[in-house]
Amino acid sequence: ARELVLGYVDALNAVDEAMRAAIPSLERLADVLGLVRSRRI
């Protein structure tokens, strides 16, 4: 379970890096919500 938790944290960090590399205007992962809801980017 501990390895699973550590793996989740690593996977979450990898998602964050991939999203911010693909969408330069993303300052943090949570900004995805705003891009979808407000600006429809």
Full PDB file with SEQRES, HELIX, SHEET, SSBOND, CRYST1, ORIGX, SCALE, CONECT and MASTER records, all heavy atoms in Angstrom:
SEQRES   1 A   41  ALA ARG GLU LEU VAL LEU GLY TYR VAL ASP ALA LEU ASN          
SEQRES   2 A   41  ALA VAL ASP GLU ALA MET ARG ALA ALA ILE PRO SER LEU          
SEQRES   3 A   41  GLU ARG LEU ALA ASP VAL LEU GLY LEU VAL ARG SER ARG          
SEQRES   4 A   41  ARG ILE                                                      
HELIX    1 AA1 ARG A    2  ALA A   22  1                                  21    
HELIX    2 AA2 ASP A   31  ARG A   37  1                                   7    
CRYST1    1.000    1.000    1.000  90.00  90.00  90.00 P 1           1          
ORIGX1      1.000000  0.000000  0.000000        0.00000                         
ORIGX2      0.000000  1.000000  0.000000        0.00000                         
ORIGX3      0.000000  0.000000  1.000000        0.00000                         
SCALE1      1.000000  0.000000  0.000000        0.00000                         
SCALE2      0.000000  1.000000  0.000000        0.00000                         
SCALE3      0.000000  0.000000  1.000000        0.00000                         
ATOM      1  N   ALA A   1       0.837  -1.204   0.000  1.00  0.00           N  
ATOM      2  CA  ALA A   1       0.000   0.000   0.000  1.00  0.00           C  
ATOM      3  C   ALA A   1       0.870   1.252   0.000  1.00  0.00           C  
ATOM      4  O   ALA A   1       0.579   2.227  -0.694  1.00  0.00           O  
ATOM      5  CB  ALA A   1      -0.948  -0.008   1.201  1.00  0.00           C  
ATOM      6  N   ARG A   2       1.947   1.210   0.752  1.00  0.00           N  
ATOM      7  CA  ARG A   2       2.865   2.356   0.790  1.00  0.00           C  
ATOM      8  C   ARG A   2       3.487   2.583  -0.590  1.00  0.00           C  
ATOM      9  O   ARG A   2       3.578   3.716  -1.056  1.00  0.00           O  
ATOM     10  CB  ARG A   2       3.937   2.104   1.847  1.00  0.00           C  
ATOM     11  CG  ARG A   2       4.879   3.256   2.057  1.00  0.00           C  
ATOM     12  CD  ARG A   2       5.905   2.889   3.128  1.00  0.00           C  
ATOM     13  NE  ARG A   2       7.010   3.787   3.129  1.00  0.00           N  
ATOM     14  CZ  ARG A   2       7.204   4.742   4.024  1.00  0.00           C  
ATOM     15  NH1 ARG A   2       6.353   4.901   4.996  1.00  0.00           N  
ATOM     16  NH2 ARG A   2       8.247   5.535   3.948  1.00  0.00           N  
ATOM     17  N   GLU A   3       3.909   1.508  -1.257  1.00  0.00           N  
ATOM     18  CA  GLU A   3       4.457   1.627  -2.610  1.00  0.00           C  
ATOM     19  C   GLU A   3       3.397   2.158  -3.577  1.00  0.00           C  
ATOM     20  O   GLU A   3       3.706   2.937  -4.476  1.00  0.00           O  
ATOM     21  CB  GLU A   3       5.013   0.288  -3.088  1.00  0.00           C  
ATOM     22  CG  GLU A   3       6.280  -0.133  -2.368  1.00  0.00           C  
ATOM     23  CD  GLU A   3       7.396   0.898  -2.465  1.00  0.00           C  
ATOM     24  OE1 GLU A   3       7.665   1.383  -3.582  1.00  0.00           O  
ATOM     25  OE2 GLU A   3       7.976   1.235  -1.416  1.00  0.00           O  
ATOM     26  N   LEU A   4       2.163   1.747  -3.391  1.00  0.00           N  
ATOM     27  CA  LEU A   4       1.063   2.239  -4.229  1.00  0.00           C  
ATOM     28  C   LEU A   4       0.907   3.753  -4.045  1.00  0.00           C  
ATOM     29  O   LEU A   4       0.785   4.492  -5.018  1.00  0.00           O  
ATOM     30  CB  LEU A   4      -0.235   1.514  -3.859  1.00  0.00           C  
ATOM     31  CG  LEU A   4      -1.470   1.828  -4.702  1.00  0.00           C  
ATOM     32  CD1 LEU A   4      -2.384   0.611  -4.726  1.00  0.00           C  
ATOM     33  CD2 LEU A   4      -2.222   3.005  -4.156  1.00  0.00           C  
ATOM     34  N   VAL A   5       0.922   4.213  -2.811  1.00  0.00           N  
ATOM     35  CA  VAL A   5       0.787   5.652  -2.528  1.00  0.00           C  
ATOM     36  C   VAL A   5       1.944   6.423  -3.161  1.00  0.00           C  
ATOM     37  O   VAL A   5       1.735   7.451  -3.815  1.00  0.00           O  
ATOM     38  CB  VAL A   5       0.706   5.924  -1.008  1.00  0.00           C  
ATOM     39  CG1 VAL A   5       0.778   7.418  -0.715  1.00  0.00           C  
ATOM     40  CG2 VAL A   5      -0.560   5.317  -0.416  1.00  0.00           C  
ATOM     41  N   LEU A   6       3.154   5.920  -2.994  1.00  0.00           N  
ATOM     42  CA  LEU A   6       4.315   6.589  -3.592  1.00  0.00           C  
ATOM     43  C   LEU A   6       4.213   6.592  -5.115  1.00  0.00           C  
ATOM     44  O   LEU A   6       4.562   7.586  -5.765  1.00  0.00           O  
ATOM     45  CB  LEU A   6       5.610   5.914  -3.128  1.00  0.00           C  
ATOM     46  CG  LEU A   6       5.921   6.051  -1.634  1.00  0.00           C  
ATOM     47  CD1 LEU A   6       7.104   5.171  -1.259  1.00  0.00           C  
ATOM     48  CD2 LEU A   6       6.155   7.503  -1.248  1.00  0.00           C  
ATOM     49  N   GLY A   7       3.718   5.500  -5.684  1.00  0.00           N  
ATOM     50  CA  GLY A   7       3.520   5.431  -7.130  1.00  0.00           C  
ATOM     51  C   GLY A   7       2.485   6.432  -7.608  1.00  0.00           C  
ATOM     52  O   GLY A   7       2.653   7.064  -8.657  1.00  0.00           O  
ATOM     53  N   TYR A   8       1.403   6.589  -6.832  1.00  0.00           N  
ATOM     54  CA  TYR A   8       0.366   7.569  -7.182  1.00  0.00           C  
ATOM     55  C   TYR A   8       0.968   8.978  -7.197  1.00  0.00           C  
ATOM     56  O   TYR A   8       0.732   9.751  -8.126  1.00  0.00           O  
ATOM     57  CB  TYR A   8      -0.801   7.492  -6.194  1.00  0.00           C  
ATOM     58  CG  TYR A   8      -1.850   8.542  -6.426  1.00  0.00           C  
ATOM     59  CD1 TYR A   8      -2.928   8.304  -7.267  1.00  0.00           C  
ATOM     60  CD2 TYR A   8      -1.771   9.795  -5.822  1.00  0.00           C  
ATOM     61  CE1 TYR A   8      -3.895   9.266  -7.498  1.00  0.00           C  
ATOM     62  CE2 TYR A   8      -2.729  10.765  -6.042  1.00  0.00           C  
ATOM     63  CZ  TYR A   8      -3.783  10.505  -6.877  1.00  0.00           C  
ATOM     64  OH  TYR A   8      -4.734  11.471  -7.105  1.00  0.00           O  
ATOM     65  N   VAL A   9       1.736   9.307  -6.177  1.00  0.00           N  
ATOM     66  CA  VAL A   9       2.351  10.637  -6.110  1.00  0.00           C  
ATOM     67  C   VAL A   9       3.283  10.851  -7.299  1.00  0.00           C  
ATOM     68  O   VAL A   9       3.260  11.914  -7.936  1.00  0.00           O  
ATOM     69  CB  VAL A   9       3.081  10.843  -4.766  1.00  0.00           C  
ATOM     70  CG1 VAL A   9       3.910  12.125  -4.776  1.00  0.00           C  
ATOM     71  CG2 VAL A   9       2.073  10.873  -3.612  1.00  0.00           C  
ATOM     72  N   ASP A  10       4.079   9.847  -7.646  1.00  0.00           N  
ATOM     73  CA  ASP A  10       4.961   9.959  -8.817  1.00  0.00           C  
ATOM     74  C   ASP A  10       4.142  10.135 -10.096  1.00  0.00           C  
ATOM     75  O   ASP A  10       4.487  10.952 -10.960  1.00  0.00           O  
ATOM     76  CB  ASP A  10       5.844   8.716  -8.953  1.00  0.00           C  
ATOM     77  CG  ASP A  10       6.957   8.665  -7.916  1.00  0.00           C  
ATOM     78  OD1 ASP A  10       7.239   9.696  -7.273  1.00  0.00           O  
ATOM     79  OD2 ASP A  10       7.541   7.572  -7.749  1.00  0.00           O  
ATOM     80  N   ALA A  11       3.060   9.352 -10.223  1.00  0.00           N  
ATOM     81  CA  ALA A  11       2.209   9.446 -11.416  1.00  0.00           C  
ATOM     82  C   ALA A  11       1.538  10.819 -11.501  1.00  0.00           C  
ATOM     83  O   ALA A  11       1.426  11.401 -12.584  1.00  0.00           O  
ATOM     84  CB  ALA A  11       1.162   8.331 -11.408  1.00  0.00           C  
ATOM     85  N   LEU A  12       1.100  11.348 -10.365  1.00  0.00           N  
ATOM     86  CA  LEU A  12       0.488  12.673 -10.336  1.00  0.00           C  
ATOM     87  C   LEU A  12       1.495  13.738 -10.768  1.00  0.00           C  
ATOM     88  O   LEU A  12       1.174  14.639 -11.549  1.00  0.00           O  
ATOM     89  CB  LEU A  12      -0.052  12.973  -8.935  1.00  0.00           C  
ATOM     90  CG  LEU A  12      -0.791  14.279  -8.739  1.00  0.00           C  
ATOM     91  CD1 LEU A  12      -1.999  14.393  -9.659  1.00  0.00           C  
ATOM     92  CD2 LEU A  12      -1.225  14.421  -7.271  1.00  0.00           C  
ATOM     93  N   ASN A  13       2.731  13.610 -10.312  1.00  0.00           N  
ATOM     94  CA  ASN A  13       3.784  14.548 -10.729  1.00  0.00           C  
ATOM     95  C   ASN A  13       4.059  14.434 -12.222  1.00  0.00           C  
ATOM     96  O   ASN A  13       4.270  15.446 -12.902  1.00  0.00           O  
ATOM     97  CB  ASN A  13       5.067  14.307  -9.931  1.00  0.00           C  
ATOM     98  CG  ASN A  13       4.953  14.790  -8.498  1.00  0.00           C  
ATOM     99  OD1 ASN A  13       4.182  15.694  -8.186  1.00  0.00           O  
ATOM    100  ND2 ASN A  13       5.708  14.169  -7.614  1.00  0.00           N  
ATOM    101  N   ALA A  14       4.038  13.210 -12.756  1.00  0.00           N  
ATOM    102  CA  ALA A  14       4.263  13.008 -14.193  1.00  0.00           C  
ATOM    103  C   ALA A  14       3.131  13.632 -15.009  1.00  0.00           C  
ATOM    104  O   ALA A  14       3.377  14.251 -16.054  1.00  0.00           O  
ATOM    105  CB  ALA A  14       4.387  11.515 -14.505  1.00  0.00           C  
ATOM    106  N   VAL A  15       1.895  13.500 -14.538  1.00  0.00           N  
ATOM    107  CA  VAL A  15       0.746  14.125 -15.203  1.00  0.00           C  
ATOM    108  C   VAL A  15       0.922  15.635 -15.213  1.00  0.00           C  
ATOM    109  O   VAL A  15       0.741  16.297 -16.242  1.00  0.00           O  
ATOM    110  CB  VAL A  15      -0.575  13.732 -14.511  1.00  0.00           C  
ATOM    111  CG1 VAL A  15      -1.712  14.641 -14.936  1.00  0.00           C  
ATOM    112  CG2 VAL A  15      -0.919  12.274 -14.780  1.00  0.00           C  
ATOM    113  N   ASP A  16       1.289  16.196 -14.071  1.00  0.00           N  
ATOM    114  CA  ASP A  16       1.480  17.641 -13.953  1.00  0.00           C  
ATOM    115  C   ASP A  16       2.536  18.125 -14.948  1.00  0.00           C  
ATOM    116  O   ASP A  16       2.309  19.098 -15.674  1.00  0.00           O  
ATOM    117  CB  ASP A  16       1.881  17.986 -12.516  1.00  0.00           C  
ATOM    118  CG  ASP A  16       2.068  19.468 -12.304  1.00  0.00           C  
ATOM    119  OD1 ASP A  16       1.151  20.252 -12.623  1.00  0.00           O  
ATOM    120  OD2 ASP A  16       3.148  19.854 -11.805  1.00  0.00           O  
ATOM    121  N   GLU A  17       3.654  17.439 -15.012  1.00  0.00           N  
ATOM    122  CA  GLU A  17       4.723  17.827 -15.942  1.00  0.00           C  
ATOM    123  C   GLU A  17       4.262  17.744 -17.396  1.00  0.00           C  
ATOM    124  O   GLU A  17       4.521  18.650 -18.187  1.00  0.00           O  
ATOM    125  CB  GLU A  17       5.949  16.939 -15.740  1.00  0.00           C  
ATOM    126  CG  GLU A  17       6.701  17.224 -14.469  1.00  0.00           C  
ATOM    127  CD  GLU A  17       7.878  16.280 -14.259  1.00  0.00           C  
ATOM    128  OE1 GLU A  17       8.397  15.724 -15.264  1.00  0.00           O  
ATOM    129  OE2 GLU A  17       8.278  16.094 -13.102  1.00  0.00           O  
ATOM    130  N   ALA A  18       3.578  16.666 -17.743  1.00  0.00           N  
ATOM    131  CA  ALA A  18       3.115  16.477 -19.124  1.00  0.00           C  
ATOM    132  C   ALA A  18       2.092  17.542 -19.516  1.00  0.00           C  
ATOM    133  O   ALA A  18       2.149  18.090 -20.628  1.00  0.00           O  
ATOM    134  CB  ALA A  18       2.518  15.086 -19.293  1.00  0.00           C  
ATOM    135  N   MET A  19       1.173  17.839 -18.622  1.00  0.00           N  
ATOM    136  CA  MET A  19       0.148  18.833 -18.935  1.00  0.00           C  
ATOM    137  C   MET A  19       0.751  20.228 -19.066  1.00  0.00           C  
ATOM    138  O   MET A  19       0.400  20.979 -19.965  1.00  0.00           O  
ATOM    139  CB  MET A  19      -0.950  18.818 -17.857  1.00  0.00           C  
ATOM    140  CG  MET A  19      -1.786  17.551 -17.821  1.00  0.00           C  
ATOM    141  SD  MET A  19      -2.753  17.265 -19.316  1.00  0.00           S  
ATOM    142  CE  MET A  19      -4.017  18.524 -19.149  1.00  0.00           C  
ATOM    143  N   ARG A  20       1.671  20.562 -18.168  1.00  0.00           N  
ATOM    144  CA  ARG A  20       2.269  21.900 -18.235  1.00  0.00           C  
ATOM    145  C   ARG A  20       3.195  22.041 -19.439  1.00  0.00           C  
ATOM    146  O   ARG A  20       3.320  23.125 -20.000  1.00  0.00           O  
ATOM    147  CB  ARG A  20       2.972  22.244 -16.931  1.00  0.00           C  
ATOM    148  CG  ARG A  20       1.921  22.438 -15.831  1.00  0.00           C  
ATOM    149  CD  ARG A  20       2.392  23.067 -14.568  1.00  0.00           C  
ATOM    150  NE  ARG A  20       3.437  22.330 -13.901  1.00  0.00           N  
ATOM    151  CZ  ARG A  20       4.469  22.920 -13.317  1.00  0.00           C  
ATOM    152  NH1 ARG A  20       4.599  24.216 -13.331  1.00  0.00           N  
ATOM    153  NH2 ARG A  20       5.361  22.195 -12.700  1.00  0.00           N  
ATOM    154  N   ALA A  21       3.813  20.942 -19.876  1.00  0.00           N  
ATOM    155  CA  ALA A  21       4.645  20.991 -21.088  1.00  0.00           C  
ATOM    156  C   ALA A  21       3.765  21.170 -22.327  1.00  0.00           C  
ATOM    157  O   ALA A  21       4.126  21.894 -23.255  1.00  0.00           O  
ATOM    158  CB  ALA A  21       5.473  19.716 -21.210  1.00  0.00           C  
ATOM    159  N   ALA A  22       2.604  20.543 -22.330  1.00  0.00           N  
ATOM    160  CA  ALA A  22       1.715  20.603 -23.493  1.00  0.00           C  
ATOM    161  C   ALA A  22       0.897  21.883 -23.546  1.00  0.00           C  
ATOM    162  O   ALA A  22       0.526  22.344 -24.630  1.00  0.00           O  
ATOM    163  CB  ALA A  22       0.776  19.396 -23.484  1.00  0.00           C  
ATOM    164  N   ILE A  23       0.603  22.456 -22.392  1.00  0.00           N  
ATOM    165  CA  ILE A  23      -0.210  23.678 -22.322  1.00  0.00           C  
ATOM    166  C   ILE A  23       0.590  24.722 -21.536  1.00  0.00           C  
ATOM    167  O   ILE A  23       0.478  24.817 -20.313  1.00  0.00           O  
ATOM    168  CB  ILE A  23      -1.578  23.407 -21.639  1.00  0.00           C  
ATOM    169  CG1 ILE A  23      -2.300  22.243 -22.321  1.00  0.00           C  
ATOM    170  CG2 ILE A  23      -2.439  24.669 -21.651  1.00  0.00           C  
ATOM    171  CD1 ILE A  23      -3.529  21.752 -21.568  1.00  0.00           C  
ATOM    172  N   PRO A  24       1.407  25.506 -22.213  1.00  0.00           N  
ATOM    173  CA  PRO A  24       2.301  26.453 -21.533  1.00  0.00           C  
ATOM    174  C   PRO A  24       1.599  27.448 -20.605  1.00  0.00           C  
ATOM    175  O   PRO A  24       2.203  27.913 -19.639  1.00  0.00           O  
ATOM    176  CB  PRO A  24       3.004  27.177 -22.683  1.00  0.00           C  
ATOM    177  CG  PRO A  24       2.927  26.215 -23.827  1.00  0.00           C  
ATOM    178  CD  PRO A  24       1.625  25.502 -23.657  1.00  0.00           C  
ATOM    179  N   SER A  25       0.327  27.761 -20.860  1.00  0.00           N  
ATOM    180  CA  SER A  25      -0.370  28.715 -20.002  1.00  0.00           C  
ATOM    181  C   SER A  25      -0.778  28.101 -18.658  1.00  0.00           C  
ATOM    182  O   SER A  25      -1.218  28.818 -17.758  1.00  0.00           O  
ATOM    183  CB  SER A  25      -1.609  29.266 -20.710  1.00  0.00           C  
ATOM    184  OG  SER A  25      -2.546  28.226 -20.950  1.00  0.00           O  
ATOM    185  N   LEU A  26      -0.597  26.813 -18.494  1.00  0.00           N  
ATOM    186  CA  LEU A  26      -0.952  26.118 -17.256  1.00  0.00           C  
ATOM    187  C   LEU A  26       0.116  26.382 -16.205  1.00  0.00           C  
ATOM    188  O   LEU A  26       1.264  25.970 -16.350  1.00  0.00           O  
ATOM    189  CB  LEU A  26      -1.026  24.619 -17.552  1.00  0.00           C  
ATOM    190  CG  LEU A  26      -2.029  23.769 -16.818  1.00  0.00           C  
ATOM    191  CD1 LEU A  26      -3.453  24.201 -17.150  1.00  0.00           C  
ATOM    192  CD2 LEU A  26      -1.844  22.315 -17.210  1.00  0.00           C  
ATOM    193  N   GLU A  27      -0.236  27.102 -15.142  1.00  0.00           N  
ATOM    194  CA  GLU A  27       0.714  27.343 -14.063  1.00  0.00           C  
ATOM    195  C   GLU A  27       0.702  26.213 -13.048  1.00  0.00           C  
ATOM    196  O   GLU A  27       1.686  25.952 -12.385  1.00  0.00           O  
ATOM    197  CB  GLU A  27       0.416  28.672 -13.379  1.00  0.00           C  
ATOM    198  CG  GLU A  27       0.715  29.864 -14.279  1.00  0.00           C  
ATOM    199  CD  GLU A  27       0.489  31.176 -13.578  1.00  0.00           C  
ATOM    200  OE1 GLU A  27       0.581  31.220 -12.337  1.00  0.00           O  
ATOM    201  OE2 GLU A  27       0.228  32.166 -14.284  1.00  0.00           O  
ATOM    202  N   ARG A  28      -0.456  25.585 -12.888  1.00  0.00           N  
ATOM    203  CA  ARG A  28      -0.606  24.438 -11.989  1.00  0.00           C  
ATOM    204  C   ARG A  28      -1.701  23.555 -12.566  1.00  0.00           C  
ATOM    205  O   ARG A  28      -2.518  24.004 -13.376  1.00  0.00           O  
ATOM    206  CB  ARG A  28      -0.938  24.891 -10.569  1.00  0.00           C  
ATOM    207  CG  ARG A  28      -2.195  25.723 -10.516  1.00  0.00           C  
ATOM    208  CD  ARG A  28      -2.440  26.308  -9.167  1.00  0.00           C  
ATOM    209  NE  ARG A  28      -3.677  27.070  -9.246  1.00  0.00           N  
ATOM    210  CZ  ARG A  28      -4.261  27.620  -8.245  1.00  0.00           C  
ATOM    211  NH1 ARG A  28      -3.749  27.504  -7.049  1.00  0.00           N  
ATOM    212  NH2 ARG A  28      -5.369  28.285  -8.398  1.00  0.00           N  
ATOM    213  N   LEU A  29      -1.723  22.328 -12.157  1.00  0.00           N  
ATOM    214  CA  LEU A  29      -2.649  21.359 -12.731  1.00  0.00           C  
ATOM    215  C   LEU A  29      -4.108  21.783 -12.564  1.00  0.00           C  
ATOM    216  O   LEU A  29      -4.929  21.574 -13.457  1.00  0.00           O  
ATOM    217  CB  LEU A  29      -2.406  19.990 -12.090  1.00  0.00           C  
ATOM    218  CG  LEU A  29      -2.956  18.782 -12.812  1.00  0.00           C  
ATOM    219  CD1 LEU A  29      -2.520  18.719 -14.262  1.00  0.00           C  
ATOM    220  CD2 LEU A  29      -2.550  17.508 -12.090  1.00  0.00           C  
ATOM    221  N   ALA A  30      -4.434  22.409 -11.459  1.00  0.00           N  
ATOM    222  CA  ALA A  30      -5.815  22.837 -11.202  1.00  0.00           C  
ATOM    223  C   ALA A  30      -6.321  23.829 -12.241  1.00  0.00           C  
ATOM    224  O   ALA A  30      -7.533  23.977 -12.432  1.00  0.00           O  
ATOM    225  CB  ALA A  30      -5.935  23.445  -9.805  1.00  0.00           C  
ATOM    226  N   ASP A  31      -5.425  24.505 -12.945  1.00  0.00           N  
ATOM    227  CA  ASP A  31      -5.835  25.465 -13.964  1.00  0.00           C  
ATOM    228  C   ASP A  31      -6.574  24.808 -15.124  1.00  0.00           C  
ATOM    229  O   ASP A  31      -7.239  25.488 -15.900  1.00  0.00           O  
ATOM    230  CB  ASP A  31      -4.626  26.246 -14.485  1.00  0.00           C  
ATOM    231  CG  ASP A  31      -4.029  27.157 -13.423  1.00  0.00           C  
ATOM    232  OD1 ASP A  31      -4.715  27.458 -12.422  1.00  0.00           O  
ATOM    233  OD2 ASP A  31      -2.858  27.560 -13.593  1.00  0.00           O  
ATOM    234  N   VAL A  32      -6.470  23.477 -15.232  1.00  0.00           N  
ATOM    235  CA  VAL A  32      -7.224  22.749 -16.258  1.00  0.00           C  
ATOM    236  C   VAL A  32      -8.717  23.053 -16.112  1.00  0.00           C  
ATOM    237  O   VAL A  32      -9.421  23.254 -17.104  1.00  0.00           O  
ATOM    238  CB  VAL A  32      -6.961  21.225 -16.151  1.00  0.00           C  
ATOM    239  CG1 VAL A  32      -7.953  20.427 -16.974  1.00  0.00           C  
ATOM    240  CG2 VAL A  32      -5.545  20.914 -16.567  1.00  0.00           C  
ATOM    241  N   LEU A  33      -9.198  23.107 -14.870  1.00  0.00           N  
ATOM    242  CA  LEU A  33     -10.625  23.389 -14.641  1.00  0.00           C  
ATOM    243  C   LEU A  33     -11.018  24.730 -15.243  1.00  0.00           C  
ATOM    244  O   LEU A  33     -12.046  24.845 -15.903  1.00  0.00           O  
ATOM    245  CB  LEU A  33     -10.951  23.375 -13.142  1.00  0.00           C  
ATOM    246  CG  LEU A  33     -10.760  22.061 -12.396  1.00  0.00           C  
ATOM    247  CD1 LEU A  33     -11.104  22.241 -10.920  1.00  0.00           C  
ATOM    248  CD2 LEU A  33     -11.565  20.953 -13.012  1.00  0.00           C  
ATOM    249  N   GLY A  34     -10.202  25.741 -15.003  1.00  0.00           N  
ATOM    250  CA  GLY A  34     -10.497  27.063 -15.541  1.00  0.00           C  
ATOM    251  C   GLY A  34     -10.450  27.112 -17.048  1.00  0.00           C  
ATOM    252  O   GLY A  34     -11.273  27.779 -17.683  1.00  0.00           O  
ATOM    253  N   LEU A  35      -9.499  26.398 -17.643  1.00  0.00           N  
ATOM    254  CA  LEU A  35      -9.396  26.377 -19.097  1.00  0.00           C  
ATOM    255  C   LEU A  35     -10.627  25.735 -19.727  1.00  0.00           C  
ATOM    256  O   LEU A  35     -11.069  26.142 -20.790  1.00  0.00           O  
ATOM    257  CB  LEU A  35      -8.132  25.626 -19.536  1.00  0.00           C  
ATOM    258  CG  LEU A  35      -6.803  26.284 -19.171  1.00  0.00           C  
ATOM    259  CD1 LEU A  35      -5.644  25.403 -19.611  1.00  0.00           C  
ATOM    260  CD2 LEU A  35      -6.682  27.672 -19.783  1.00  0.00           C  
ATOM    261  N   VAL A  36     -11.178  24.754 -19.051  1.00  0.00           N  
ATOM    262  CA  VAL A  36     -12.381  24.087 -19.560  1.00  0.00           C  
ATOM    263  C   VAL A  36     -13.614  24.947 -19.308  1.00  0.00           C  
ATOM    264  O   VAL A  36     -14.429  25.159 -20.207  1.00  0.00           O  
ATOM    265  CB  VAL A  36     -12.555  22.696 -18.903  1.00  0.00           C  
ATOM    266  CG1 VAL A  36     -13.934  22.127 -19.177  1.00  0.00           C  
ATOM    267  CG2 VAL A  36     -11.484  21.745 -19.404  1.00  0.00           C  
ATOM    268  N   ARG A  37     -13.760  25.474 -18.107  1.00  0.00           N  
ATOM    269  CA  ARG A  37     -15.005  26.139 -17.711  1.00  0.00           C  
ATOM    270  C   ARG A  37     -15.125  27.581 -18.187  1.00  0.00           C  
ATOM    271  O   ARG A  37     -16.191  28.009 -18.604  1.00  0.00           O  
ATOM    272  CB  ARG A  37     -15.143  26.100 -16.195  1.00  0.00           C  
ATOM    273  CG  ARG A  37     -15.342  24.694 -15.697  1.00  0.00           C  
ATOM    274  CD  ARG A  37     -15.493  24.661 -14.208  1.00  0.00           C  
ATOM    275  NE  ARG A  37     -15.690  23.288 -13.764  1.00  0.00           N  
ATOM    276  CZ  ARG A  37     -15.296  22.814 -12.620  1.00  0.00           C  
ATOM    277  NH1 ARG A  37     -14.685  23.593 -11.751  1.00  0.00           N  
ATOM    278  NH2 ARG A  37     -15.514  21.555 -12.303  1.00  0.00           N  
ATOM    279  N   SER A  38     -14.066  28.333 -18.098  1.00  0.00           N  
ATOM    280  CA  SER A  38     -14.166  29.765 -18.384  1.00  0.00           C  
ATOM    281  C   SER A  38     -13.829  30.120 -19.821  1.00  0.00           C  
ATOM    282  O   SER A  38     -14.624  30.706 -20.526  1.00  0.00           O  
ATOM    283  CB  SER A  38     -13.230  30.552 -17.472  1.00  0.00           C  
ATOM    284  OG  SER A  38     -13.566  30.336 -16.134  1.00  0.00           O  
ATOM    285  N   ARG A  39     -12.662  29.758 -20.207  1.00  0.00           N  
ATOM    286  CA  ARG A  39     -12.165  30.233 -21.498  1.00  0.00           C  
ATOM    287  C   ARG A  39     -12.432  29.268 -22.637  1.00  0.00           C  
ATOM    288  O   ARG A  39     -12.238  29.601 -23.780  1.00  0.00           O  
ATOM    289  CB  ARG A  39     -10.672  30.508 -21.383  1.00  0.00           C  
ATOM    290  CG  ARG A  39     -10.399  31.569 -20.333  1.00  0.00           C  
ATOM    291  CD  ARG A  39      -8.925  31.854 -20.218  1.00  0.00           C  
ATOM    292  NE  ARG A  39      -8.663  32.190 -18.827  1.00  0.00           N  
ATOM    293  CZ  ARG A  39      -7.844  31.546 -18.023  1.00  0.00           C  
ATOM    294  NH1 ARG A  39      -7.135  30.554 -18.466  1.00  0.00           N  
ATOM    295  NH2 ARG A  39      -7.706  31.913 -16.777  1.00  0.00           N  
ATOM    296  N   ARG A  40     -12.826  28.062 -22.304  1.00  0.00           N  
ATOM    297  CA  ARG A  40     -13.084  27.047 -23.320  1.00  0.00           C  
ATOM    298  C   ARG A  40     -11.871  26.815 -24.223  1.00  0.00           C  
ATOM    299  O   ARG A  40     -12.000  26.557 -25.414  1.00  0.00           O  
ATOM    300  CB  ARG A  40     -14.310  27.401 -24.168  1.00  0.00           C  
ATOM    301  CG  ARG A  40     -15.564  27.649 -23.371  1.00  0.00           C  
ATOM    302  CD  ARG A  40     -16.174  26.341 -22.982  1.00  0.00           C  
ATOM    303  NE  ARG A  40     -17.449  26.585 -22.292  1.00  0.00           N  
ATOM    304  CZ  ARG A  40     -17.875  25.846 -21.292  1.00  0.00           C  
ATOM    305  NH1 ARG A  40     -17.179  24.839 -20.885  1.00  0.00           N  
ATOM    306  NH2 ARG A  40     -19.017  26.105 -20.720  1.00  0.00           N  
ATOM    307  N   ILE A  41     -10.691  26.927 -23.638  1.00  0.00           N  
ATOM    308  CA  ILE A  41      -9.459  26.733 -24.403  1.00  0.00           C  
ATOM    309  C   ILE A  41      -9.244  25.253 -24.708  1.00  0.00           C  
ATOM    310  O   ILE A  41      -8.740  24.895 -25.764  1.00  0.00           O  
ATOM    311  CB  ILE A  41      -8.252  27.337 -23.647  1.00  0.00           C  
ATOM    312  CG1 ILE A  41      -8.418  28.851 -23.610  1.00  0.00           C  
ATOM    313  CG2 ILE A  41      -6.930  26.934 -24.271  1.00  0.00           C  
ATOM    314  CD1 ILE A  41      -7.404  29.590 -22.788  1.00  0.00           C  
TER     315      ILE A  41                                                      
MASTER        0    0    0    2    0    0    0    6  314    1    0    4          
END                                                                             
